[in-house]
Protein backbone atom coordinates (compact mmCIF):
# COMPACT_ATOMS: atom_id res chain seq x y z
CA MET A 1 152.50 -20.34 -46.10
CA SER A 2 156.35 -19.92 -46.48
CA GLY A 3 156.24 -19.22 -50.05
CA GLY A 4 153.63 -16.53 -49.46
CA ASN A 5 155.86 -15.07 -46.63
CA GLU A 6 158.72 -14.65 -49.01
CA ALA A 7 156.26 -12.94 -51.51
CA GLN A 8 155.30 -10.60 -48.74
CA ILE A 9 158.75 -9.67 -48.06
CA LEU A 10 159.27 -8.43 -51.49
CA LYS A 11 156.04 -6.69 -51.41
CA SER A 12 156.99 -4.87 -48.35
CA TRP A 13 160.27 -3.57 -49.93
CA HIS A 14 158.49 -2.67 -53.14
CA ARG A 15 156.29 -0.24 -50.88
CA ASN A 16 159.05 1.13 -48.82
CA VAL A 17 161.92 2.26 -51.17
CA ASP A 18 161.45 5.99 -50.80
CA ALA A 19 161.33 5.53 -46.86
CA TRP A 20 164.26 3.21 -46.74
CA THR A 21 166.34 5.21 -49.10
CA ALA A 22 165.79 8.34 -46.93
CA ALA A 23 166.46 6.40 -43.66
CA VAL A 24 169.81 5.06 -44.83
CA ARG A 25 171.12 8.09 -46.58
CA GLU A 26 170.30 10.55 -43.70
CA ARG A 27 171.57 7.82 -41.14
CA ARG A 28 168.27 7.76 -39.27
CA ILE A 29 168.57 4.34 -37.97
CA GLU A 30 170.54 4.50 -34.65
CA SER A 31 171.97 0.96 -34.61
CA ARG A 32 173.41 1.27 -38.14
CA ALA A 33 174.95 4.85 -37.58
CA LEU A 34 176.59 3.75 -34.27
CA ALA A 35 177.52 0.28 -34.85
CA THR A 36 176.44 -2.10 -37.66
CA ASP A 37 177.42 0.03 -40.81
CA GLN A 38 180.96 0.39 -39.66
CA ALA A 39 181.04 -3.37 -38.41
CA ILE A 40 180.36 -4.79 -41.86
CA LEU A 41 182.69 -2.36 -43.72
CA ASP A 42 185.51 -3.63 -41.08
CA ALA A 43 184.62 -7.35 -41.72
CA VAL A 44 184.85 -6.82 -45.48
CA LEU A 45 188.02 -4.63 -45.66
CA GLY A 46 189.88 -6.90 -43.32
CA ARG A 47 189.85 -9.48 -45.98
CA ALA A 48 191.28 -7.08 -48.55
CA PRO A 49 189.14 -7.95 -51.42
CA HIS A 50 189.64 -6.91 -55.23
CA SER A 51 185.98 -7.85 -55.85
CA VAL A 52 182.71 -7.84 -53.93
CA LEU A 53 179.17 -9.21 -54.60
CA ASP A 54 176.73 -7.26 -52.63
CA LEU A 55 173.69 -9.56 -52.32
CA GLY A 56 170.41 -7.66 -51.50
CA CYS A 57 172.30 -4.13 -51.95
CA GLY A 58 169.42 -2.11 -51.50
CA GLU A 59 170.17 1.48 -52.28
CA GLY A 60 173.64 0.82 -52.59
CA TRP A 61 175.22 2.54 -49.66
CA LEU A 62 177.56 -0.26 -48.99
CA ALA A 63 178.67 -0.80 -52.56
CA ARG A 64 179.53 2.96 -52.87
CA SER A 65 181.41 2.58 -49.85
CA LEU A 66 183.63 -0.21 -51.00
CA ALA A 67 183.97 1.07 -54.62
CA ALA A 68 185.37 4.34 -53.05
CA ARG A 69 188.05 2.25 -51.66
CA GLY A 70 189.08 0.82 -55.17
CA ILE A 71 187.03 -2.40 -55.05
CA ARG A 72 184.98 -3.60 -57.94
CA VAL A 73 181.49 -4.18 -56.62
CA LEU A 74 178.42 -5.72 -58.16
CA GLY A 75 175.25 -5.19 -56.26
CA ILE A 76 172.14 -7.08 -56.97
CA ASP A 77 168.65 -6.53 -55.74
CA ALA A 78 165.11 -8.03 -56.59
CA VAL A 79 163.27 -4.54 -56.07
CA PRO A 80 163.83 -2.44 -59.44
CA ASP A 81 163.34 0.84 -57.57
CA LEU A 82 166.07 0.09 -55.30
CA ILE A 83 168.51 -0.70 -58.08
CA ALA A 84 167.47 2.49 -59.85
CA ARG A 85 168.16 4.50 -56.51
CA ALA A 86 171.51 2.86 -56.51
CA THR A 87 172.35 3.29 -59.96
CA ALA A 88 171.47 7.04 -59.82
CA ALA A 89 174.03 7.27 -57.17
CA GLY A 90 176.69 5.46 -58.94
CA GLY A 91 179.81 3.97 -57.37
CA GLY A 92 179.38 0.27 -58.53
CA GLU A 93 177.60 -1.88 -60.88
CA PHE A 94 174.10 -2.77 -60.04
CA ARG A 95 171.53 -5.23 -61.57
CA VAL A 96 168.06 -6.35 -60.88
CA ALA A 97 168.14 -10.21 -59.78
CA THR A 98 166.75 -12.41 -57.17
CA TYR A 99 168.74 -14.74 -55.16
CA GLU A 100 167.43 -17.64 -57.26
CA GLN A 101 168.69 -16.09 -60.38
CA ALA A 102 172.18 -15.57 -58.54
CA ALA A 103 171.97 -19.22 -57.54
CA ALA A 104 171.25 -20.25 -61.19
CA GLY A 105 174.53 -18.89 -62.38
CA LEU A 106 173.17 -15.81 -64.20
CA LEU A 107 175.04 -13.17 -62.68
CA HIS A 108 178.38 -14.46 -64.59
CA PHE A 109 180.21 -13.09 -61.57
CA ARG A 110 182.53 -14.50 -58.78
CA ALA A 111 184.11 -12.35 -56.14
CA ASP A 112 186.70 -12.63 -53.44
CA VAL A 113 184.08 -11.52 -50.97
CA ALA A 114 180.17 -12.14 -51.22
CA LEU A 115 178.16 -10.52 -48.74
CA CYS A 116 174.63 -10.11 -47.21
CA ASN A 117 174.12 -7.16 -44.83
CA PHE A 118 170.71 -7.59 -43.30
CA SER A 119 169.37 -9.18 -46.43
CA LEU A 120 168.70 -12.56 -45.42
CA LEU A 121 165.11 -12.37 -44.25
CA GLY A 122 163.42 -15.52 -45.92
CA CYS A 123 163.61 -19.23 -45.43
CA GLU A 124 163.66 -20.95 -48.73
CA SER A 125 165.41 -18.06 -50.58
CA VAL A 126 168.14 -18.16 -48.04
CA ASP A 127 168.64 -21.80 -48.25
CA THR A 128 169.07 -21.46 -52.06
CA LEU A 129 171.58 -18.63 -51.77
CA PHE A 130 173.79 -20.83 -49.34
CA ALA A 131 173.58 -23.72 -51.37
CA ALA A 132 175.00 -21.71 -54.44
CA MET A 133 177.47 -19.78 -52.44
CA PRO A 134 180.64 -21.81 -53.87
CA GLY A 135 179.84 -20.90 -57.25
CA LEU A 136 179.61 -17.17 -56.33
CA LEU A 137 183.13 -16.95 -54.81
CA ARG A 138 186.53 -16.94 -56.31
CA PRO A 139 189.11 -19.42 -54.97
CA GLN A 140 190.03 -18.62 -51.63
CA GLY A 141 186.94 -16.36 -51.32
CA VAL A 142 184.77 -15.67 -48.37
CA PHE A 143 181.12 -15.05 -47.44
CA ILE A 144 180.35 -12.27 -44.92
CA MET A 145 176.70 -12.13 -43.66
CA GLN A 146 175.56 -9.42 -41.09
CA THR A 147 171.95 -9.91 -39.48
CA VAL A 148 169.93 -9.36 -36.45
CA HIS A 149 171.23 -10.93 -33.29
CA PRO A 150 168.91 -13.56 -32.10
CA SER A 151 169.29 -12.64 -28.37
CA VAL A 152 167.66 -9.26 -28.94
CA ALA A 153 165.37 -10.10 -31.74
CA GLY A 154 161.95 -9.88 -30.07
CA THR A 155 162.60 -11.34 -26.43
CA ASP A 156 158.79 -12.14 -26.35
CA TRP A 157 159.30 -14.76 -28.77
CA PRO A 158 160.69 -18.39 -28.07
CA GLN A 159 164.12 -18.97 -29.24
CA GLN A 160 163.48 -21.25 -31.88
CA ASP A 161 163.31 -21.25 -35.58
CA GLY A 162 160.12 -20.05 -37.53
CA TRP A 163 158.46 -17.13 -39.21
CA ARG A 164 157.83 -13.95 -37.17
CA GLU A 165 155.71 -10.87 -37.74
CA GLY A 166 157.44 -7.92 -39.14
CA SER A 167 157.96 -4.38 -37.57
CA TRP A 168 159.31 -1.10 -38.53
CA ALA A 169 159.57 -0.11 -34.77
CA GLY A 170 162.47 2.40 -34.36
CA PHE A 171 162.33 3.00 -38.20
CA GLY A 172 159.87 5.79 -38.62
CA ALA A 173 156.19 6.51 -39.35
CA GLU A 174 156.68 6.69 -42.98
CA PHE A 175 157.46 3.00 -43.29
CA THR A 176 154.16 0.84 -44.14
CA ASP A 177 153.47 -2.86 -44.31
CA PRO A 178 156.04 -4.68 -42.51
CA ALA A 179 157.06 -8.01 -43.91
CA PRO A 180 157.47 -11.29 -42.17
CA TRP A 181 160.81 -12.59 -41.38
CA TYR A 182 162.34 -15.95 -40.73
CA PHE A 183 163.98 -16.25 -37.36
CA ARG A 184 167.07 -18.45 -36.88
CA THR A 185 169.21 -19.19 -33.70
CA LEU A 186 172.85 -18.74 -33.88
CA GLU A 187 173.18 -22.46 -33.75
CA SER A 188 170.67 -22.82 -36.78
CA TRP A 189 172.76 -20.26 -38.70
CA GLU A 190 175.92 -22.15 -38.21
CA ALA A 191 174.21 -25.56 -38.94
CA LEU A 192 173.06 -23.85 -42.29
CA LEU A 193 176.55 -22.83 -43.18
CA ARG A 194 177.91 -26.56 -42.29
CA ARG A 195 175.14 -27.95 -44.27
CA HIS A 196 176.03 -26.00 -47.55
CA ARG A 197 179.72 -26.94 -46.93
CA LEU A 198 180.41 -23.29 -45.70
CA ARG A 199 183.20 -23.37 -43.00
CA LEU A 200 182.59 -20.73 -40.20
CA LEU A 201 185.77 -18.66 -39.77
CA GLU A 202 184.63 -16.16 -37.44
CA ARG A 203 181.68 -14.73 -35.62
CA ARG A 204 181.44 -11.09 -34.54
CA GLU A 205 178.91 -9.69 -32.44
CA PRO A 206 179.07 -6.03 -32.46
CA LEU A 207 177.91 -4.12 -29.50
CA HIS A 208 175.59 -1.09 -29.54
CA PRO A 209 177.78 1.40 -27.59
CA ARG A 210 174.68 3.03 -25.66
CA THR A 211 172.91 -0.37 -24.64
CA GLY A 212 175.86 -2.63 -24.44
CA GLN A 213 173.77 -5.23 -26.11
CA PRO A 214 174.47 -7.03 -29.46
CA ALA A 215 173.58 -4.76 -32.23
CA SER A 216 174.06 -7.60 -34.69
CA VAL A 217 175.72 -10.74 -35.33
CA ILE A 218 178.34 -11.24 -38.36
CA PHE A 219 179.39 -14.61 -39.62
CA ILE A 220 182.51 -15.12 -41.95
CA ALA A 221 182.95 -18.24 -43.81
CA ASP A 222 184.81 -19.91 -46.46
CA VAL A 223 184.02 -22.91 -48.68
CA LEU A 224 185.37 -26.39 -47.50
CA PRO A 225 187.65 -28.02 -50.16
């Protein structure tokens, strides 16, 4: 079942490339426009990196924003059409690659910051990526991830780890075939970091300015010596 869910995630993104690209570039997603885009930029720029690895870069907006500030950026995504959109827009180096390929060392790229911005949707794929993080970072490098805050991720569900049905609610009618995603509590995210010898340095919880609720959660971690 879990492997099937992982495959469904990719199928959904293959089907929604155009809708996603338009929504991001036209800033249609309220939480991103008002809070989370700036929050991840602040988190990355606060580390003053020379190089960034954007894992699950999508159509490339974050890579472009960082590259415009003189940072070398490599963005990867498993969806070729998203990488095509990113490459056409420029502003970084983009490659088609899965997390498994990154974990296997096929990128030949180590960064001051490796980041995942709302791109950790699976179960085994996420575990694989976390295990490989030390090999993706330069000495003194950090891993930064932003994801849905568990406290607002569907309050009708129990607060326990597991697969959940997907939804494009609030994204627009042009989105289809929502993908399942793997829910984790804050404690589970932190335990996953510890299991792979990633030390939590900071946890941020950006607030949505209109609702006052957490718009996301950001973890910043480094590699234990």
